[in-house]
C-alpha atoms as a PDB file:
ATOM      1  CA  MET A   1      74.297 126.815  91.577  1.00  0.00           C
ATOM      2  CA  GLY A   2      71.736 127.437  89.262  1.00  0.00           C
ATOM      3  CA  PHE A   3      69.581 125.647  86.664  1.00  0.00           C
ATOM      4  CA  ILE A   4      68.860 125.422  83.191  1.00  0.00           C
ATOM      5  CA  ALA A   5      65.041 124.493  81.980  1.00  0.00           C
ATOM      6  CA  GLU A   6      63.680 123.342  78.945  1.00  0.00           C
ATOM      7  CA  VAL A   7      60.654 124.468  79.623  1.00  0.00           C
ATOM      8  CA  HIS A   8      57.049 124.283  76.357  1.00  0.00           C
ATOM      9  CA  LEU A   9      55.328 127.487  76.272  1.00  0.00           C
ATOM     10  CA  VAL A  10      51.410 126.908  75.334  1.00  0.00           C
ATOM     11  CA  HIS A  11      48.813 129.227  74.536  1.00  0.00           C
ATOM     12  CA  ASP A  12      46.852 130.503  72.015  1.00  0.00           C
ATOM     13  CA  ASP A  13      46.758 134.962  72.662  1.00  0.00           C
ATOM     14  CA  LEU A  14      50.658 133.600  72.194  1.00  0.00           C
ATOM     15  CA  PRO A  15      52.629 135.935  69.992  1.00  0.00           C
ATOM     16  CA  LEU A  16      52.192 134.023  66.355  1.00  0.00           C
ATOM     17  CA  VAL A  17      51.204 130.874  67.701  1.00  0.00           C
ATOM     18  CA  PRO A  18      48.064 131.200  65.058  1.00  0.00           C
ATOM     19  CA  THR A  19      50.447 131.315  63.080  1.00  0.00           C
ATOM     20  CA  MET A  20      51.932 128.247  63.910  1.00  0.00           C
ATOM     21  CA  GLU A  21      48.681 126.509  63.772  1.00  0.00           C
ATOM     22  CA  ARG A  22      47.489 127.839  60.769  1.00  0.00           C
ATOM     23  CA  HIS A  23      51.264 126.507  58.641  1.00  0.00           C
ATOM     24  CA  PRO A  24      52.046 123.636  61.024  1.00  0.00           C
ATOM     25  CA  GLY A  25      55.649 123.190  58.785  1.00  0.00           C
ATOM     26  CA  THR A  26      56.613 126.423  60.896  1.00  0.00           C
ATOM     27  CA  THR A  27      59.962 126.507  62.278  1.00  0.00           C
ATOM     28  CA  LEU A  28      60.510 129.881  64.252  1.00  0.00           C
ATOM     29  CA  THR A  29      63.276 131.475  66.108  1.00  0.00           C
ATOM     30  CA  TYR A  30      62.383 134.405  68.211  1.00  0.00           C
ATOM     31  CA  GLU A  31      65.467 136.818  67.587  1.00  0.00           C
ATOM     32  CA  TYR A  32      64.400 140.189  70.512  1.00  0.00           C
ATOM     33  CA  GLY A  33      61.744 142.782  70.376  1.00  0.00           C
ATOM     34  CA  THR A  34      61.708 146.587  71.155  1.00  0.00           C
ATOM     35  CA  ARG A  35      59.510 148.875  71.632  1.00  0.00           C
ATOM     36  CA  GLY A  36      58.292 152.100  68.927  1.00  0.00           C
ATOM     37  CA  ASN A  37      55.978 154.822  69.703  1.00  0.00           C
ATOM     38  CA  ASP A  38      54.194 152.749  72.436  1.00  0.00           C
ATOM     39  CA  ARG A  39      54.204 149.899  70.337  1.00  0.00           C
ATOM     40  CA  ARG A  40      55.918 146.189  71.196  1.00  0.00           C
ATOM     41  CA  LEU A  41      57.776 145.172  68.016  1.00  0.00           C
ATOM     42  CA  GLN A  42      60.103 141.890  67.370  1.00  0.00           C
ATOM     43  CA  PHE A  43      61.524 139.741  65.108  1.00  0.00           C
ATOM     44  CA  VAL A  44      61.234 135.779  64.234  1.00  0.00           C
ATOM     45  CA  SER A  45      64.057 133.761  61.980  1.00  0.00           C
ATOM     46  CA  ALA A  46      61.144 131.284  60.206  1.00  0.00           C
ATOM     47  CA  PHE A  47      63.269 128.053  57.560  1.00  0.00           C
ATOM     48  CA  GLY A  48      61.661 126.797  55.472  1.00  0.00           C
ATOM     49  CA  ASP A  49      61.059 127.537  51.690  1.00  0.00           C
ATOM     50  CA  GLU A  50      57.234 127.651  52.072  1.00  0.00           C
ATOM     51  CA  PHE A  51      57.480 131.795  52.731  1.00  0.00           C
ATOM     52  CA  ALA A  52      53.979 132.898  51.276  1.00  0.00           C
ATOM     53  CA  ARG A  53      52.310 130.435  53.149  1.00  0.00           C
ATOM     54  CA  LEU A  54      53.639 131.700  55.872  1.00  0.00           C
ATOM     55  CA  GLU A  55      53.193 135.093  54.858  1.00  0.00           C
ATOM     56  CA  ASP A  56      48.654 134.659  54.489  1.00  0.00           C
ATOM     57  CA  ALA A  57      48.583 132.583  57.757  1.00  0.00           C
ATOM     58  CA  MET A  58      50.856 135.413  59.276  1.00  0.00           C
ATOM     59  CA  ASP A  59      48.172 138.168  57.940  1.00  0.00           C
ATOM     60  CA  ALA A  60      45.582 136.160  59.583  1.00  0.00           C
ATOM     61  CA  ASP A  61      47.228 136.282  62.347  1.00  0.00           C
ATOM     62  CA  PRO A  62      45.422 137.878  65.613  1.00  0.00           C
ATOM     63  CA  THR A  63      48.493 137.782  67.883  1.00  0.00           C
ATOM     64  CA  VAL A  64      50.804 140.300  65.600  1.00  0.00           C
ATOM     65  CA  SER A  65      50.413 142.782  62.163  1.00  0.00           C
ATOM     66  CA  GLU A  66      52.007 143.817  59.997  1.00  0.00           C
ATOM     67  CA  PRO A  67      54.999 141.210  59.730  1.00  0.00           C
ATOM     68  CA  THR A  68      57.250 142.488  56.829  1.00  0.00           C
ATOM     69  CA  ARG A  69      60.194 140.056  55.770  1.00  0.00           C
ATOM     70  CA  ILE A  70      63.379 142.212  55.866  1.00  0.00           C
ATOM     71  CA  ALA A  71      66.148 139.533  54.360  1.00  0.00           C
ATOM     72  CA  THR A  72      65.924 136.475  52.729  1.00  0.00           C
ATOM     73  CA  PHE A  73      68.071 133.874  53.096  1.00  0.00           C
ATOM     74  CA  GLU A  74      68.540 130.421  51.667  1.00  0.00           C
ATOM     75  CA  HIS A  75      65.890 128.158  53.637  1.00  0.00           C
ATOM     76  CA  ARG A  76      65.559 131.374  55.931  1.00  0.00           C
ATOM     77  CA  ALA A  77      63.515 134.672  55.995  1.00  0.00           C
ATOM     78  CA  ILE A  78      63.687 137.170  59.354  1.00  0.00           C
ATOM     79  CA  TYR A  79      60.662 138.584  59.940  1.00  0.00           C
ATOM     80  CA  ARG A  80      59.612 141.737  61.826  1.00  0.00           C
ATOM     81  CA  PHE A  81      55.875 142.275  63.572  1.00  0.00           C
ATOM     82  CA  ALA A  82      53.666 144.550  65.569  1.00  0.00           C
ATOM     83  CA  VAL A  83      52.222 142.173  68.711  1.00  0.00           C
ATOM     84  CA  GLU A  84      48.876 142.383  68.997  1.00  0.00           C
ATOM     85  CA  THR A  85      48.279 139.712  72.561  1.00  0.00           C
ATOM     86  CA  ASP A  86      49.095 141.009  75.988  1.00  0.00           C
ATOM     87  CA  LEU A  87      50.581 137.776  76.326  1.00  0.00           C
ATOM     88  CA  GLU A  88      54.785 137.912  76.055  1.00  0.00           C
ATOM     89  CA  ILE A  89      56.087 134.513  75.260  1.00  0.00           C
ATOM     90  CA  VAL A  90      58.750 134.694  78.725  1.00  0.00           C
ATOM     91  CA  PRO A  91      56.961 138.114  80.592  1.00  0.00           C
ATOM     92  CA  ASP A  92      59.782 140.499  81.411  1.00  0.00           C
ATOM     93  CA  ARG A  93      59.612 140.377  85.028  1.00  0.00           C
ATOM     94  CA  CYS A  94      61.155 137.083  85.042  1.00  0.00           C
ATOM     95  CA  ALA A  95      64.726 139.233  83.952  1.00  0.00           C
ATOM     96  CA  ALA A  96      64.169 140.385  87.415  1.00  0.00           C
ATOM     97  CA  ASP A  97      64.549 137.055  89.117  1.00  0.00           C
ATOM     98  CA  GLY A  98      68.109 136.538  87.332  1.00  0.00           C
ATOM     99  CA  LEU A  99      65.965 134.739  83.581  1.00  0.00           C
ATOM    100  CA  PHE A 100      68.208 134.471  80.368  1.00  0.00           C
ATOM    101  CA  ALA A 101      67.296 132.805  77.719  1.00  0.00           C
ATOM    102  CA  PHE A 102      69.374 130.875  76.145  1.00  0.00           C
ATOM    103  CA  SER A 103      67.231 130.222  72.877  1.00  0.00           C
ATOM    104  CA  ILE A 104      62.995 130.289  71.872  1.00  0.00           C
ATOM    105  CA  THR A 105      62.091 128.980  69.038  1.00  0.00           C
ATOM    106  CA  GLY A 106      58.396 127.685  68.072  1.00  0.00           C
ATOM    107  CA  GLY A 107      56.961 124.936  66.393  1.00  0.00           C
ATOM    108  CA  GLN A 108      53.455 122.619  66.770  1.00  0.00           C
ATOM    109  CA  GLY A 109      51.753 125.323  67.755  1.00  0.00           C
ATOM    110  CA  ARG A 110      53.769 126.208  70.863  1.00  0.00           C
ATOM    111  CA  TRP A 111      57.178 127.657  72.012  1.00  0.00           C
ATOM    112  CA  THR A 112      59.635 126.500  73.978  1.00  0.00           C
ATOM    113  CA  VAL A 113      62.004 128.444  75.508  1.00  0.00           C
ATOM    114  CA  ARG A 114      65.882 126.988  77.118  1.00  0.00           C
ATOM    115  CA  VAL A 115      66.190 129.172  80.316  1.00  0.00           C
ATOM    116  CA  TYR A 116      68.703 129.683  83.162  1.00  0.00           C
ATOM    117  CA  LEU A 117      67.818 130.169  86.009  1.00  0.00           C
ATOM    118  CA  PRO A 118      69.426 131.008  89.616  1.00  0.00           C
ATOM    119  CA  ASP A 119      67.139 128.858  92.120  1.00  0.00           C
ATOM    120  CA  ARG A 120      64.206 127.258  92.058  1.00  0.00           C
ATOM    121  CA  ASP A 121      62.697 130.363  93.384  1.00  0.00           C
ATOM    122  CA  ALA A 122      63.456 131.970  90.113  1.00  0.00           C
ATOM    123  CA  LEU A 123      61.670 128.999  88.396  1.00  0.00           C
ATOM    124  CA  THR A 124      58.773 129.025  90.779  1.00  0.00           C
ATOM    125  CA  ALA A 125      57.759 132.884  89.289  1.00  0.00           C
ATOM    126  CA  PHE A 126      58.112 131.409  85.997  1.00  0.00           C
ATOM    127  CA  ARG A 127      55.528 129.459  85.612  1.00  0.00           C
ATOM    128  CA  SER A 128      53.517 131.413  88.735  1.00  0.00           C
ATOM    129  CA  ARG A 129      53.329 134.195  85.856  1.00  0.00           C
ATOM    130  CA  CYS A 130      52.521 132.123  82.819  1.00  0.00           C
ATOM    131  CA  ARG A 131      50.201 130.248  84.646  1.00  0.00           C
ATOM    132  CA  ASP A 132      48.310 133.288  86.171  1.00  0.00           C
ATOM    133  CA  ARG A 133      47.829 134.480  82.440  1.00  0.00           C
ATOM    134  CA  GLY A 134      46.299 130.557  81.760  1.00  0.00           C
ATOM    135  CA  VAL A 135      49.474 129.820  79.499  1.00  0.00           C
ATOM    136  CA  SER A 136      50.283 126.305  79.809  1.00  0.00           C
ATOM    137  CA  PHE A 137      53.889 125.690  80.846  1.00  0.00           C
ATOM    138  CA  ARG A 138      55.054 122.078  80.478  1.00  0.00           C
ATOM    139  CA  ILE A 139      58.751 121.519  81.778  1.00  0.00           C
ATOM    140  CA  ALA A 140      60.345 119.665  79.094  1.00  0.00           C
ATOM    141  CA  GLN A 141      64.646 119.519  81.029  1.00  0.00           C
ATOM    142  CA  LEU A 142      65.598 120.823  83.922  1.00  0.00           C
ATOM    143  CA  TYR A 143      69.200 120.225  85.156  1.00  0.00           C
ATOM    144  CA  ASP A 144      71.675 121.649  86.641  1.00  0.00           C
ATOM    145  CA  SER A 145      74.512 124.500  85.587  1.00  0.00           C
ATOM    146  CA  THR A 146      77.275 122.756  85.547  1.00  0.00           C
ATOM    147  CA  VAL A 147      76.842 120.908  83.011  1.00  0.00           C
ATOM    148  CA  SER A 148      78.404 122.926  80.041  1.00  0.00           C
ATOM    149  CA  ASP A 149      76.027 125.155  77.652  1.00  0.00           C
ATOM    150  CA  ASP A 150      78.925 125.951  75.320  1.00  0.00           C
ATOM    151  CA  GLU A 151      77.823 123.494  72.884  1.00  0.00           C
ATOM    152  CA  THR A 152      76.486 126.699  70.945  1.00  0.00           C
ATOM    153  CA  TYR A 153      80.136 127.199  70.104  1.00  0.00           C
ATOM    154  CA  PHE A 154      80.165 123.215  68.245  1.00  0.00           C
ATOM    155  CA  LEU A 155      77.473 123.664  65.931  1.00  0.00           C
ATOM    156  CA  THR A 156      78.210 125.372  62.114  1.00  0.00           C
ATOM    157  CA  ASP A 157      75.087 127.176  61.336  1.00  0.00           C
ATOM    158  CA  ARG A 158      73.615 125.392  59.108  1.00  0.00           C
ATOM    159  CA  GLN A 159      74.321 122.547  61.495  1.00  0.00           C
ATOM    160  CA  ARG A 160      72.951 124.620  63.855  1.00  0.00           C
ATOM    161  CA  GLU A 161      69.183 124.888  61.965  1.00  0.00           C
ATOM    162  CA  VAL A 162      68.854 121.333  60.396  1.00  0.00           C
ATOM    163  CA  LEU A 163      68.742 120.475  64.801  1.00  0.00           C
ATOM    164  CA  THR A 164      66.506 123.575  64.784  1.00  0.00           C
ATOM    165  CA  MET A 165      64.562 123.158  62.208  1.00  0.00           C
ATOM    166  CA  ALA A 166      64.509 118.703  63.556  1.00  0.00           C
ATOM    167  CA  TYR A 167      63.466 120.513  66.932  1.00  0.00           C
ATOM    168  CA  ALA A 168      60.634 122.172  66.454  1.00  0.00           C
ATOM    169  CA  ALA A 169      58.714 120.142  63.427  1.00  0.00           C
ATOM    170  CA  GLY A 170      58.661 117.531  66.129  1.00  0.00           C
ATOM    171  CA  TYR A 171      61.428 114.591  65.300  1.00  0.00           C
ATOM    172  CA  TYR A 172      62.705 114.413  69.003  1.00  0.00           C
ATOM    173  CA  ASP A 173      59.174 114.128  70.465  1.00  0.00           C
ATOM    174  CA  VAL A 174      58.515 110.421  71.472  1.00  0.00           C
ATOM    175  CA  PRO A 175      56.140 109.694  69.074  1.00  0.00           C
ATOM    176  CA  ARG A 176      57.571 111.316  65.987  1.00  0.00           C
ATOM    177  CA  THR A 177      55.292 113.999  64.239  1.00  0.00           C
ATOM    178  CA  ILE A 178      57.994 114.293  60.975  1.00  0.00           C
ATOM    179  CA  THR A 179      60.302 112.030  59.567  1.00  0.00           C
ATOM    180  CA  GLN A 180      63.388 112.574  58.382  1.00  0.00           C
ATOM    181  CA  ASP A 181      62.177 112.112  54.273  1.00  0.00           C
ATOM    182  CA  GLU A 182      59.991 115.537  55.267  1.00  0.00           C
ATOM    183  CA  LEU A 183      62.287 117.598  56.939  1.00  0.00           C
ATOM    184  CA  ALA A 184      65.078 116.310  54.310  1.00  0.00           C
ATOM    185  CA  GLU A 185      61.754 117.620  51.545  1.00  0.00           C
ATOM    186  CA  ARG A 186      61.857 121.045  54.165  1.00  0.00           C
ATOM    187  CA  LEU A 187      65.495 121.339  54.503  1.00  0.00           C
ATOM    188  CA  ASP A 188      65.185 120.766  50.255  1.00  0.00           C
ATOM    189  CA  ILE A 189      68.206 119.152  50.712  1.00  0.00           C
ATOM    190  CA  SER A 190      69.136 114.644  50.682  1.00  0.00           C
ATOM    191  CA  ASP A 191      67.826 112.436  52.964  1.00  0.00           C
ATOM    192  CA  SER A 192      71.611 111.473  54.358  1.00  0.00           C
ATOM    193  CA  ALA A 193      72.858 115.279  54.767  1.00  0.00           C
ATOM    194  CA  VAL A 194      70.220 115.341  57.167  1.00  0.00           C
ATOM    195  CA  SER A 195      70.928 112.202  58.758  1.00  0.00           C
ATOM    196  CA  GLN A 196      75.584 113.336  58.338  1.00  0.00           C
ATOM    197  CA  HIS A 197      73.743 117.369  59.635  1.00  0.00           C
ATOM    198  CA  LEU A 198      71.326 115.686  62.459  1.00  0.00           C
ATOM    199  CA  ARG A 199      74.984 113.004  63.794  1.00  0.00           C
ATOM    200  CA  ARG A 200      77.556 115.177  64.023  1.00  0.00           C
ATOM    201  CA  ALA A 201      75.402 118.276  65.127  1.00  0.00           C
ATOM    202  CA  VAL A 202      74.463 115.929  68.438  1.00  0.00           C
ATOM    203  CA  SER A 203      77.768 114.696  68.890  1.00  0.00           C
ATOM    204  CA  GLU A 204      79.243 117.934  69.392  1.00  0.00           C
ATOM    205  CA  LEU A 205      76.845 118.765  71.853  1.00  0.00           C
ATOM    206  CA  ILE A 206      77.022 115.438  73.814  1.00  0.00           C
ATOM    207  CA  ALA A 207      80.767 115.862  73.692  1.00  0.00           C
ATOM    208  CA  ALA A 208      79.914 119.667  74.777  1.00  0.00           C
ATOM    209  CA  THR A 209      77.359 118.258  77.746  1.00  0.00           C
ATOM    210  CA  ILE A 210      79.284 115.354  79.276  1.00  0.00           C
ATOM    211  CA  GLU A 211      83.093 116.785  78.841  1.00  0.00           C
ATOM    212  CA  ASN A 212      83.021 118.885  81.795  1.00  0.00           C
ATOM    213  CA  GLY A 213      85.664 117.610  84.185  1.00  0.00           C
ATOM    214  CA  HIS A 214      83.005 115.108  85.652  1.00  0.00           C
ATOM    215  CA  SER A 215      83.886 111.131  85.956  1.00  0.00           C
ATOM    216  CA  PRO A 216      81.030 108.690  84.994  1.00  0.00           C
ATOM    217  CA  ASP A 217      81.101 107.690  88.954  1.00  0.00           C
ATOM    218  CA  HIS A 218      80.091 111.185  89.557  1.00  0.00           C
ATOM    219  CA  TYR A 219      75.658 110.180  88.296  1.00  0.00           C
ATOM    220  CA  SER A 220      75.961 106.881  89.829  1.00  0.00           C
END
């Protein structure tokens, strides 16, 4: 059957956590990592429009070196950097347990990962490997994989961008750590546009989640 989990990971020495703490408006999406010349290289997307401040924070971040902006789009930039910490957001060894990461997002001094796990043993191994390195591991959501994960295919790029920033910036936290007006200012769009994007995105996610052949009695 398998499980899908959303996990919050916190440690001062995780890649780019010092950057997120120095620049709390940062919203990051991990893209991919590779190795070259005995170095770990990683790529992230950063959302917002204060890239100069973000790059100052990256330059002062001991967990990374040589941060380089390799592409710039509207409200988004892609960075490459070398990793200077032994800690991994998702330990490589977890792949052998069948863990698959759907998404890895950063904001407010933490990384949030959404992963598929084939069984609870894989979840236990993931948690143990993080906690053995002193990484705070908190499960925010856990549900069986019969719930569809196809929602990513229903979102437009703009809906996904707005929803990702809202989520990582704490709009859905309890209590909220950012307002809709602040999101609108950060995205340089109107408050009503933020509201429309979020409502449509959430509507698509709900539809993709509940329209899976189960009747309401299934959950009672």
